N, C-alpha and C. Protein backbone atom coordinates (compact mmCIF):
# COMPACT_ATOMS: atom_id res chain seq x y z
N MET A 1 -11.19 -13.58 11.60
CA MET A 1 -10.12 -12.52 11.89
C MET A 1 -8.93 -12.65 10.75
N VAL A 2 -8.53 -13.89 10.47
CA VAL A 2 -7.65 -13.99 9.27
C VAL A 2 -8.16 -13.61 8.00
N TYR A 3 -9.39 -13.76 7.65
CA TYR A 3 -10.01 -13.32 6.53
C TYR A 3 -10.01 -11.94 6.45
N ARG A 4 -10.38 -11.36 7.55
CA ARG A 4 -10.47 -9.70 7.55
C ARG A 4 -9.17 -9.19 7.31
N GLU A 5 -8.04 -9.77 7.92
CA GLU A 5 -6.62 -9.24 7.72
C GLU A 5 -6.28 -9.31 6.23
N MET A 6 -6.65 -10.55 5.62
CA MET A 6 -6.27 -10.76 4.23
C MET A 6 -7.07 -9.58 3.35
N GLN A 7 -8.39 -9.39 3.77
CA GLN A 7 -9.16 -8.51 2.97
C GLN A 7 -8.64 -6.99 3.11
N LYS A 8 -8.14 -6.72 4.32
CA LYS A 8 -7.47 -5.46 4.47
C LYS A 8 -6.20 -5.27 3.53
N VAL A 9 -5.35 -6.17 3.58
CA VAL A 9 -4.24 -6.17 2.80
C VAL A 9 -4.40 -6.06 1.34
N LEU A 10 -5.40 -6.74 0.80
CA LEU A 10 -5.68 -6.73 -0.58
C LEU A 10 -6.37 -5.38 -1.04
N ARG A 11 -7.24 -4.82 0.03
CA ARG A 11 -7.64 -3.43 -0.31
C ARG A 11 -6.59 -2.36 -0.36
N ALA A 12 -5.56 -2.57 0.58
CA ALA A 12 -4.45 -1.78 0.60
C ALA A 12 -3.64 -1.79 -0.82
N TYR A 13 -3.41 -2.95 -1.13
CA TYR A 13 -2.71 -3.12 -2.53
C TYR A 13 -3.60 -2.56 -3.72
N GLY A 14 -4.83 -2.64 -3.66
CA GLY A 14 -5.69 -2.06 -4.76
C GLY A 14 -5.48 -0.36 -4.56
N GLU A 15 -5.37 -0.11 -3.48
CA GLU A 15 -5.44 1.50 -3.26
C GLU A 15 -4.04 1.98 -3.62
N VAL A 16 -3.01 1.22 -3.25
CA VAL A 16 -1.59 1.74 -3.67
C VAL A 16 -1.73 1.66 -5.31
N LEU A 17 -2.23 0.74 -6.01
CA LEU A 17 -2.37 0.77 -7.44
C LEU A 17 -3.00 1.98 -7.88
N ARG A 18 -4.12 2.25 -7.30
CA ARG A 18 -4.85 3.67 -7.70
C ARG A 18 -4.01 4.84 -7.51
N LEU A 19 -3.21 4.83 -6.48
CA LEU A 19 -2.26 6.05 -6.13
C LEU A 19 -1.14 6.05 -7.15
N VAL A 20 -0.78 4.89 -7.65
CA VAL A 20 0.26 4.82 -8.80
C VAL A 20 -0.33 5.66 -10.00
N ARG A 21 -1.58 5.60 -10.34
CA ARG A 21 -2.22 6.18 -11.41
C ARG A 21 -1.99 7.83 -11.34
N ARG A 22 -1.78 8.28 -10.21
CA ARG A 22 -1.60 9.66 -10.01
C ARG A 22 -0.25 10.29 -10.22
N LEU A 23 0.66 9.22 -10.38
CA LEU A 23 2.03 9.64 -10.59
C LEU A 23 2.38 10.08 -12.00
N PRO A 24 3.42 10.66 -12.37
CA PRO A 24 3.67 10.99 -13.84
C PRO A 24 3.59 9.63 -14.64
N GLU A 25 3.21 9.78 -15.83
CA GLU A 25 2.95 8.51 -16.64
C GLU A 25 4.25 7.73 -16.80
N ASP A 26 5.46 8.38 -16.97
CA ASP A 26 6.70 7.62 -17.40
C ASP A 26 6.92 6.92 -16.03
N SER A 27 6.67 7.22 -14.91
CA SER A 27 7.01 6.51 -13.66
C SER A 27 6.10 5.36 -13.07
N ARG A 28 4.83 5.39 -13.69
CA ARG A 28 3.84 4.46 -13.31
C ARG A 28 4.17 3.02 -13.43
N PRO A 29 4.80 2.53 -14.58
CA PRO A 29 5.15 1.11 -14.63
C PRO A 29 6.14 0.63 -13.56
N TYR A 30 7.13 1.43 -13.15
CA TYR A 30 8.06 1.17 -12.23
C TYR A 30 7.43 1.00 -10.94
N TYR A 31 6.56 1.82 -10.55
CA TYR A 31 5.95 1.80 -9.11
C TYR A 31 4.91 0.74 -9.23
N ALA A 32 4.17 0.54 -10.10
CA ALA A 32 3.28 -0.56 -10.19
C ALA A 32 4.04 -1.83 -9.93
N LYS A 33 5.02 -2.01 -10.66
CA LYS A 33 5.84 -3.29 -10.48
C LYS A 33 6.49 -3.35 -9.21
N TYR A 34 7.00 -2.34 -8.61
CA TYR A 34 7.55 -2.28 -7.28
C TYR A 34 6.52 -2.69 -6.21
N ALA A 35 5.19 -2.16 -6.34
CA ALA A 35 4.17 -2.49 -5.47
C ALA A 35 3.80 -3.87 -5.42
N ARG A 36 3.66 -4.52 -6.65
CA ARG A 36 3.45 -5.87 -6.86
C ARG A 36 4.44 -6.84 -6.31
N GLU A 37 5.73 -6.43 -6.56
CA GLU A 37 6.84 -7.16 -6.14
C GLU A 37 6.89 -7.23 -4.44
N ASN A 38 6.55 -6.17 -4.01
CA ASN A 38 6.48 -5.95 -2.50
C ASN A 38 5.46 -6.82 -1.84
N PHE A 39 4.24 -6.75 -2.46
CA PHE A 39 3.10 -7.53 -1.87
C PHE A 39 3.30 -9.03 -2.03
N VAL A 40 4.00 -9.46 -3.18
CA VAL A 40 4.30 -10.86 -3.47
C VAL A 40 5.35 -11.22 -2.48
N ASN A 41 6.33 -10.37 -2.23
CA ASN A 41 7.43 -10.90 -1.28
C ASN A 41 6.97 -11.04 0.12
N TYR A 42 5.92 -10.34 0.58
CA TYR A 42 5.59 -10.53 1.80
C TYR A 42 4.19 -11.44 2.02
N ARG A 43 3.97 -12.13 0.98
CA ARG A 43 2.81 -13.04 1.12
C ARG A 43 2.83 -14.20 2.06
N GLU A 44 4.19 -14.52 2.47
CA GLU A 44 4.39 -15.55 3.36
C GLU A 44 4.06 -15.20 5.00
N VAL A 45 3.77 -13.85 5.18
CA VAL A 45 3.45 -13.31 6.44
C VAL A 45 2.20 -13.96 6.92
N ASP A 46 2.26 -14.53 8.12
CA ASP A 46 1.06 -15.18 8.72
C ASP A 46 0.00 -14.15 8.89
N PRO A 47 -1.19 -14.29 8.24
CA PRO A 47 -2.32 -13.22 8.40
C PRO A 47 -2.95 -13.25 9.81
N GLY A 48 -2.59 -14.25 10.48
CA GLY A 48 -3.06 -14.51 11.91
C GLY A 48 -2.13 -13.61 12.83
N ASP A 49 -0.95 -13.15 12.35
CA ASP A 49 0.00 -12.47 13.20
C ASP A 49 -0.45 -10.92 12.95
N SER A 50 -1.40 -10.47 13.68
CA SER A 50 -1.91 -9.16 13.42
C SER A 50 -0.73 -8.04 13.52
N SER A 51 0.18 -8.24 14.59
CA SER A 51 1.19 -7.16 14.69
C SER A 51 2.11 -7.11 13.40
N ALA A 52 2.39 -8.09 12.81
CA ALA A 52 3.24 -8.13 11.47
C ALA A 52 2.43 -7.61 10.33
N VAL A 53 1.10 -7.83 10.36
CA VAL A 53 0.26 -7.23 9.30
C VAL A 53 0.19 -5.76 9.33
N GLU A 54 -0.04 -5.46 10.80
CA GLU A 54 -0.18 -3.94 10.98
C GLU A 54 1.12 -3.10 10.68
N GLU A 55 2.22 -3.83 11.11
CA GLU A 55 3.50 -3.21 10.70
C GLU A 55 3.67 -2.96 9.15
N LEU A 56 3.33 -4.06 8.52
CA LEU A 56 3.51 -3.95 6.96
C LEU A 56 2.55 -2.96 6.34
N LEU A 57 1.38 -2.86 6.89
CA LEU A 57 0.35 -1.82 6.42
C LEU A 57 0.85 -0.32 6.77
N ALA A 58 1.49 -0.24 8.01
CA ALA A 58 1.98 1.05 8.33
C ALA A 58 3.17 1.50 7.40
N ARG A 59 3.87 0.52 7.18
CA ARG A 59 5.05 0.76 6.12
C ARG A 59 4.49 1.06 4.81
N THR A 60 3.48 0.30 4.30
CA THR A 60 2.91 0.70 2.95
C THR A 60 2.42 2.14 3.00
N TYR A 61 1.75 2.67 4.03
CA TYR A 61 1.22 3.91 3.97
C TYR A 61 2.34 4.93 3.94
N LYS A 62 3.43 4.70 4.81
CA LYS A 62 4.54 5.62 4.90
C LYS A 62 5.33 5.68 3.50
N HIS A 63 5.61 4.50 3.04
CA HIS A 63 6.26 4.57 1.68
C HIS A 63 5.38 5.13 0.47
N SER A 64 4.08 5.10 0.69
CA SER A 64 3.29 5.65 -0.26
C SER A 64 3.34 7.14 -0.19
N LEU A 65 3.26 7.69 1.03
CA LEU A 65 3.37 9.12 1.21
C LEU A 65 4.70 9.66 0.65
N TRP A 66 5.74 8.90 0.88
CA TRP A 66 7.07 9.29 0.48
C TRP A 66 7.12 9.61 -1.04
N ILE A 67 6.58 8.51 -1.79
CA ILE A 67 6.51 8.54 -3.31
C ILE A 67 5.54 9.70 -3.71
N LEU A 68 4.53 9.96 -3.07
CA LEU A 68 3.64 10.96 -3.47
C LEU A 68 4.28 12.27 -3.30
N ASN A 69 4.98 12.48 -2.22
CA ASN A 69 5.54 13.78 -1.97
C ASN A 69 6.77 13.90 -2.95
N LYS A 70 7.53 12.86 -3.26
CA LYS A 70 8.56 12.88 -4.30
C LYS A 70 8.16 13.45 -5.64
N TYR A 71 6.92 13.11 -5.90
CA TYR A 71 6.30 13.65 -7.31
C TYR A 71 5.34 14.86 -6.99
N SER A 72 5.28 15.35 -5.88
CA SER A 72 4.43 16.57 -5.51
C SER A 72 3.12 16.30 -5.86
N VAL A 73 2.58 15.04 -5.43
CA VAL A 73 1.12 14.69 -5.44
C VAL A 73 0.58 15.07 -3.99
N ASP A 74 -0.49 15.74 -3.82
CA ASP A 74 -1.12 15.84 -2.71
C ASP A 74 -1.31 14.78 -1.69
N GLU A 75 -0.81 14.77 -0.51
CA GLU A 75 -0.97 13.57 0.41
C GLU A 75 -2.33 13.24 0.78
N SER A 76 -3.31 14.18 0.43
CA SER A 76 -4.80 13.88 0.67
C SER A 76 -5.22 12.68 -0.26
N ALA A 77 -4.54 12.64 -1.33
CA ALA A 77 -4.95 11.55 -2.20
C ALA A 77 -4.74 10.10 -1.61
N ALA A 78 -3.96 10.03 -0.43
CA ALA A 78 -3.79 8.77 0.24
C ALA A 78 -4.73 8.59 1.35
N GLY A 79 -5.82 9.31 1.46
CA GLY A 79 -6.68 9.30 2.64
C GLY A 79 -7.36 7.95 2.75
N LYS A 80 -7.73 7.37 1.64
CA LYS A 80 -8.34 6.11 1.76
C LYS A 80 -7.46 4.94 2.18
N LEU A 81 -6.09 5.14 1.70
CA LEU A 81 -5.08 4.10 2.10
C LEU A 81 -4.84 4.28 3.58
N LYS A 82 -4.94 5.55 4.17
CA LYS A 82 -4.71 5.76 5.51
C LYS A 82 -5.85 5.06 6.30
N GLU A 83 -7.01 5.17 5.86
CA GLU A 83 -8.17 4.59 6.59
C GLU A 83 -7.89 2.99 6.56
N ILE A 84 -7.69 2.36 5.59
CA ILE A 84 -7.40 1.06 5.39
C ILE A 84 -6.26 0.59 6.28
N CYS A 85 -5.27 1.27 6.30
CA CYS A 85 -3.86 0.92 7.07
C CYS A 85 -4.04 1.04 8.52
N SER A 86 -4.95 1.97 8.87
CA SER A 86 -4.99 2.28 10.33
C SER A 86 -6.37 1.68 10.96
N ALA A 87 -7.06 1.01 10.19
CA ALA A 87 -8.35 0.45 10.69
C ALA A 87 -8.15 -0.83 11.51
């Protein structure tokens, strides 16, 4: 179970970085750094605490949609992230 949760979080991080590539070129470094800092800041969350992990994944998806909308990127680009975060 813990391994599965860790894999889910790593997949979400990878997908967030893929979504960053869809942003305007001048904003990519900022959001890539922002994503990394956030994932690093929450690394102390117990992967065995599935409710905390699920909450962070839901927030990851919600924030990603907000940023995509800010830059007028189609929300459907986040389909894979939605699958990861809601699975």
